[in-house]
Amino acid sequence: MLILNSGGTFNKKYNPLNGELEISYSNGAIEEILRSADAKFDLAGVIYKDSLDMTLDDRKMLARIIAESTDDTFVIVHGTDTMHLSAEFLAEIFENRKIIFVGAMRPFEIDSVEASFNLGMAIGFAKGVVDYGVYICMSGYVMPWNKIQKNKKFGKFEVVL
């Protein structure tokens, strides 16, 4: 299993100089979660962006990394606003991979519980799932990417049928 860090709220840190939350150019949050769980997985930081800033080139980079990897299972930490777009893009390319997108509605630095829960759930699902596909793990659900969506009004993901 390979964990890919593409940024998103999950990784944001408070900058006391300008008062803003900014994407950290590190894997610190994920490394801390894995360390606390005494778990070792391959981890690569690849993009470090807010998902609203993700481009087609960024999605192609994710696809290239997945295509060139010897792994068949991937957990991608991604911002929640365009997670579905990246999931759809990868679903159109890969039929022989297990790809689980995960993120957080609040930064790990502010609320470590949600990010830790989501990542742990995504890793557990990735280790147990048999069927190839692209999934989203958020708000206590792990569903195929097209069966779950972000409800921006309530700030959580919901299953759609």
C-alpha atoms as a PDB file:
ATOM      1  CA  MET A   1       0.000   0.000   0.000  1.00  0.00           C
ATOM      2  CA  LEU A   2       1.207   3.485  -0.891  1.00  0.00           C
ATOM      3  CA  ILE A   3      -0.149   6.606   0.814  1.00  0.00           C
ATOM      4  CA  LEU A   4      -0.010   9.706  -1.393  1.00  0.00           C
ATOM      5  CA  ASN A   5      -0.303  13.142   0.201  1.00  0.00           C
ATOM      6  CA  SER A   6      -1.739  15.780  -2.111  1.00  0.00           C
ATOM      7  CA  GLY A   7      -2.505  18.405   0.527  1.00  0.00           C
ATOM      8  CA  GLY A   8      -5.955  19.685   1.398  1.00  0.00           C
ATOM      9  CA  THR A   9      -7.399  20.878   4.683  1.00  0.00           C
ATOM     10  CA  PHE A  10      -6.092  17.699   6.355  1.00  0.00           C
ATOM     11  CA  ASN A  11      -2.574  19.186   6.110  1.00  0.00           C
ATOM     12  CA  LYS A  12      -3.271  22.871   6.789  1.00  0.00           C
ATOM     13  CA  LYS A  13      -1.377  24.702   9.515  1.00  0.00           C
ATOM     14  CA  TYR A  14      -2.051  28.050  11.138  1.00  0.00           C
ATOM     15  CA  ASN A  15       0.369  30.788  10.110  1.00  0.00           C
ATOM     16  CA  PRO A  16       0.610  33.233  13.048  1.00  0.00           C
ATOM     17  CA  LEU A  17       2.230  35.892  10.856  1.00  0.00           C
ATOM     18  CA  ASN A  18      -0.756  36.356   8.541  1.00  0.00           C
ATOM     19  CA  GLY A  19      -3.519  34.614  10.500  1.00  0.00           C
ATOM     20  CA  GLU A  20      -4.300  32.182   7.686  1.00  0.00           C
ATOM     21  CA  LEU A  21      -4.464  28.420   7.376  1.00  0.00           C
ATOM     22  CA  GLU A  22      -1.937  27.265   4.792  1.00  0.00           C
ATOM     23  CA  ILE A  23      -1.068  23.935   3.225  1.00  0.00           C
ATOM     24  CA  SER A  24       2.040  22.534   4.847  1.00  0.00           C
ATOM     25  CA  TYR A  25       4.750  21.336   2.458  1.00  0.00           C
ATOM     26  CA  SER A  26       5.335  18.259   4.587  1.00  0.00           C
ATOM     27  CA  ASN A  27       3.820  14.921   5.501  1.00  0.00           C
ATOM     28  CA  GLY A  28       3.941  15.791   9.202  1.00  0.00           C
ATOM     29  CA  ALA A  29       0.267  15.214  10.026  1.00  0.00           C
ATOM     30  CA  ILE A  30       0.175  11.821   8.312  1.00  0.00           C
ATOM     31  CA  GLU A  31       3.520  10.797   9.816  1.00  0.00           C
ATOM     32  CA  GLU A  32       2.286  11.713  13.299  1.00  0.00           C
ATOM     33  CA  ILE A  33      -0.894   9.661  12.871  1.00  0.00           C
ATOM     34  CA  LEU A  34       1.052   6.663  11.579  1.00  0.00           C
ATOM     35  CA  ARG A  35       3.604   7.002  14.391  1.00  0.00           C
ATOM     36  CA  SER A  36       0.880   7.088  17.063  1.00  0.00           C
ATOM     37  CA  ALA A  37      -0.626   3.920  15.560  1.00  0.00           C
ATOM     38  CA  ASP A  38       2.821   2.312  15.345  1.00  0.00           C
ATOM     39  CA  ALA A  39       2.130   1.683  11.660  1.00  0.00           C
ATOM     40  CA  LYS A  40       4.602   1.728   8.806  1.00  0.00           C
ATOM     41  CA  PHE A  41       3.440   2.398   5.262  1.00  0.00           C
ATOM     42  CA  ASP A  42       5.105   3.853   2.216  1.00  0.00           C
ATOM     43  CA  LEU A  43       4.261   7.559   2.119  1.00  0.00           C
ATOM     44  CA  ALA A  44       4.957  10.119  -0.584  1.00  0.00           C
ATOM     45  CA  GLY A  45       4.130  13.808  -0.618  1.00  0.00           C
ATOM     46  CA  VAL A  46       3.275  14.698  -4.186  1.00  0.00           C
ATOM     47  CA  ILE A  47       1.330  17.934  -4.610  1.00  0.00           C
ATOM     48  CA  TYR A  48       0.644  19.936  -1.386  1.00  0.00           C
ATOM     49  CA  LYS A  49      -2.288  22.015  -2.638  1.00  0.00           C
ATOM     50  CA  ASP A  50      -5.736  23.068  -1.593  1.00  0.00           C
ATOM     51  CA  SER A  51      -8.017  20.942  -3.741  1.00  0.00           C
ATOM     52  CA  LEU A  52      -9.616  24.076  -5.211  1.00  0.00           C
ATOM     53  CA  ASP A  53      -6.217  24.721  -6.814  1.00  0.00           C
ATOM     54  CA  MET A  54      -5.835  21.185  -8.253  1.00  0.00           C
ATOM     55  CA  THR A  55      -5.380  21.103 -12.017  1.00  0.00           C
ATOM     56  CA  LEU A  56      -5.625  18.488 -14.720  1.00  0.00           C
ATOM     57  CA  ASP A  57      -1.819  18.290 -14.646  1.00  0.00           C
ATOM     58  CA  ASP A  58      -1.953  17.494 -10.911  1.00  0.00           C
ATOM     59  CA  ARG A  59      -4.455  14.699 -11.550  1.00  0.00           C
ATOM     60  CA  LYS A  60      -2.270  13.379 -14.367  1.00  0.00           C
ATOM     61  CA  MET A  61       0.682  13.348 -11.952  1.00  0.00           C
ATOM     62  CA  LEU A  62      -1.318  11.228  -9.490  1.00  0.00           C
ATOM     63  CA  ALA A  63      -2.274   8.873 -12.335  1.00  0.00           C
ATOM     64  CA  ARG A  64       1.353   8.609 -13.459  1.00  0.00           C
ATOM     65  CA  ILE A  65       2.540   7.749  -9.951  1.00  0.00           C
ATOM     66  CA  ILE A  66      -0.157   5.094  -9.595  1.00  0.00           C
ATOM     67  CA  ALA A  67       0.539   3.644 -13.053  1.00  0.00           C
ATOM     68  CA  GLU A  68       4.283   3.399 -12.392  1.00  0.00           C
ATOM     69  CA  SER A  69       3.925   1.909  -8.906  1.00  0.00           C
ATOM     70  CA  THR A  70       4.230  -1.794  -8.177  1.00  0.00           C
ATOM     71  CA  ASP A  71       1.513  -1.385  -5.534  1.00  0.00           C
ATOM     72  CA  ASP A  72      -2.118  -2.034  -6.380  1.00  0.00           C
ATOM     73  CA  THR A  73      -3.562  -0.248  -3.332  1.00  0.00           C
ATOM     74  CA  PHE A  74      -3.390   3.502  -2.697  1.00  0.00           C
ATOM     75  CA  VAL A  75      -4.694   5.884  -0.057  1.00  0.00           C
ATOM     76  CA  ILE A  76      -4.729   9.469  -1.314  1.00  0.00           C
ATOM     77  CA  VAL A  77      -4.998  12.307   1.205  1.00  0.00           C
ATOM     78  CA  HIS A  78      -6.835  15.001  -0.751  1.00  0.00           C
ATOM     79  CA  GLY A  79      -8.823  18.161  -0.158  1.00  0.00           C
ATOM     80  CA  THR A  80     -12.546  17.607   0.081  1.00  0.00           C
ATOM     81  CA  ASP A  81     -13.826  20.286  -2.317  1.00  0.00           C
ATOM     82  CA  THR A  82     -12.626  18.568  -5.511  1.00  0.00           C
ATOM     83  CA  MET A  83     -11.941  15.073  -4.211  1.00  0.00           C
ATOM     84  CA  HIS A  84     -14.783  13.773  -6.384  1.00  0.00           C
ATOM     85  CA  LEU A  85     -13.197  15.243  -9.530  1.00  0.00           C
ATOM     86  CA  SER A  86      -9.867  13.529  -8.881  1.00  0.00           C
ATOM     87  CA  ALA A  87     -11.666  10.303  -7.984  1.00  0.00           C
ATOM     88  CA  GLU A  88     -13.681  10.407 -11.205  1.00  0.00           C
ATOM     89  CA  PHE A  89     -10.524  11.123 -13.232  1.00  0.00           C
ATOM     90  CA  LEU A  90      -8.670   8.133 -11.760  1.00  0.00           C
ATOM     91  CA  ALA A  91     -11.732   5.865 -12.029  1.00  0.00           C
ATOM     92  CA  GLU A  92     -11.746   6.458 -15.797  1.00  0.00           C
ATOM     93  CA  ILE A  93      -8.118   5.309 -16.029  1.00  0.00           C
ATOM     94  CA  PHE A  94      -7.698   2.425 -13.585  1.00  0.00           C
ATOM     95  CA  GLU A  95      -9.632  -0.818 -13.432  1.00  0.00           C
ATOM     96  CA  ASN A  96      -6.968  -2.853 -11.631  1.00  0.00           C
ATOM     97  CA  ARG A  97      -6.207  -0.699  -8.597  1.00  0.00           C
ATOM     98  CA  LYS A  98      -7.768   0.003  -5.215  1.00  0.00           C
ATOM     99  CA  ILE A  99      -7.707   3.756  -4.676  1.00  0.00           C
ATOM    100  CA  ILE A 100      -9.167   5.298  -1.531  1.00  0.00           C
ATOM    101  CA  PHE A 101      -9.463   9.074  -1.224  1.00  0.00           C
ATOM    102  CA  VAL A 102      -9.533  10.536   2.270  1.00  0.00           C
ATOM    103  CA  GLY A 103      -9.475  14.026   3.705  1.00  0.00           C
ATOM    104  CA  ALA A 104     -10.663  16.104   6.629  1.00  0.00           C
ATOM    105  CA  MET A 105     -13.116  18.925   7.111  1.00  0.00           C
ATOM    106  CA  ARG A 106     -10.840  20.429   9.777  1.00  0.00           C
ATOM    107  CA  PRO A 107      -7.028  20.546   9.757  1.00  0.00           C
ATOM    108  CA  PHE A 108      -5.183  17.897  11.774  1.00  0.00           C
ATOM    109  CA  GLU A 109      -3.445  20.734  13.622  1.00  0.00           C
ATOM    110  CA  ILE A 110      -6.830  22.019  14.855  1.00  0.00           C
ATOM    111  CA  ASP A 111      -8.723  18.725  15.291  1.00  0.00           C
ATOM    112  CA  SER A 112      -6.490  15.682  15.239  1.00  0.00           C
ATOM    113  CA  VAL A 113      -9.377  13.309  15.944  1.00  0.00           C
ATOM    114  CA  GLU A 114     -11.271  13.655  12.651  1.00  0.00           C
ATOM    115  CA  ALA A 115      -8.188  13.424  10.441  1.00  0.00           C
ATOM    116  CA  SER A 116      -6.828  10.465  12.435  1.00  0.00           C
ATOM    117  CA  PHE A 117     -10.171   8.657  12.334  1.00  0.00           C
ATOM    118  CA  ASN A 118     -10.577   9.209   8.598  1.00  0.00           C
ATOM    119  CA  LEU A 119      -7.043   8.100   7.739  1.00  0.00           C
ATOM    120  CA  GLY A 120      -7.270   5.048   9.989  1.00  0.00           C
ATOM    121  CA  MET A 121     -10.592   4.082   8.466  1.00  0.00           C
ATOM    122  CA  ALA A 122      -9.228   4.523   4.930  1.00  0.00           C
ATOM    123  CA  ILE A 123      -6.161   2.390   5.690  1.00  0.00           C
ATOM    124  CA  GLY A 124      -8.269  -0.318   7.317  1.00  0.00           C
ATOM    125  CA  PHE A 125     -10.634  -0.384   4.363  1.00  0.00           C
ATOM    126  CA  ALA A 126      -7.724  -0.455   1.910  1.00  0.00           C
ATOM    127  CA  LYS A 127      -6.221  -3.443   3.719  1.00  0.00           C
ATOM    128  CA  GLY A 128      -9.499  -5.351   3.682  1.00  0.00           C
ATOM    129  CA  VAL A 129     -11.202  -4.486   0.411  1.00  0.00           C
ATOM    130  CA  VAL A 130     -11.071  -7.141  -2.268  1.00  0.00           C
ATOM    131  CA  ASP A 131     -12.676  -5.334  -5.190  1.00  0.00           C
ATOM    132  CA  TYR A 132     -10.701  -2.922  -7.303  1.00  0.00           C
ATOM    133  CA  GLY A 133     -12.217   0.530  -7.588  1.00  0.00           C
ATOM    134  CA  VAL A 134     -12.019   4.142  -6.535  1.00  0.00           C
ATOM    135  CA  TYR A 135     -13.539   4.953  -3.164  1.00  0.00           C
ATOM    136  CA  ILE A 136     -14.025   7.970  -0.917  1.00  0.00           C
ATOM    137  CA  CYS A 137     -13.624   7.639   2.854  1.00  0.00           C
ATOM    138  CA  MET A 138     -15.233  10.532   4.734  1.00  0.00           C
ATOM    139  CA  SER A 139     -17.681  11.143   7.589  1.00  0.00           C
ATOM    140  CA  GLY A 140     -17.692   7.514   8.700  1.00  0.00           C
ATOM    141  CA  TYR A 141     -18.414   6.120   5.239  1.00  0.00           C
ATOM    142  CA  VAL A 142     -16.316   4.370   2.642  1.00  0.00           C
ATOM    143  CA  MET A 143     -18.195   4.198  -0.626  1.00  0.00           C
ATOM    144  CA  PRO A 144     -17.478   4.034  -4.352  1.00  0.00           C
ATOM    145  CA  TRP A 145     -16.555   7.565  -5.431  1.00  0.00           C
ATOM    146  CA  ASN A 146     -19.887   8.156  -7.199  1.00  0.00           C
ATOM    147  CA  LYS A 147     -22.017   7.040  -4.229  1.00  0.00           C
ATOM    148  CA  ILE A 148     -20.880   9.715  -1.762  1.00  0.00           C
ATOM    149  CA  GLN A 149     -20.737  13.491  -1.990  1.00  0.00           C
ATOM    150  CA  LYS A 150     -19.873  16.507   0.103  1.00  0.00           C
ATOM    151  CA  ASN A 151     -22.822  18.392   1.567  1.00  0.00           C
ATOM    152  CA  LYS A 152     -21.335  21.873   1.838  1.00  0.00           C
ATOM    153  CA  LYS A 153     -24.338  23.186   3.779  1.00  0.00           C
ATOM    154  CA  PHE A 154     -23.787  20.723   6.632  1.00  0.00           C
ATOM    155  CA  GLY A 155     -20.014  20.255   6.259  1.00  0.00           C
ATOM    156  CA  LYS A 156     -20.037  16.494   5.898  1.00  0.00           C
ATOM    157  CA  PHE A 157     -20.148  13.756   3.306  1.00  0.00           C
ATOM    158  CA  GLU A 158     -23.361  11.855   2.623  1.00  0.00           C
ATOM    159  CA  VAL A 159     -24.245   8.697   0.754  1.00  0.00           C
ATOM    160  CA  VAL A 160     -26.146   9.259  -2.484  1.00  0.00           C
ATOM    161  CA  LEU A 161     -28.097   6.572  -4.266  1.00  0.00           C
END
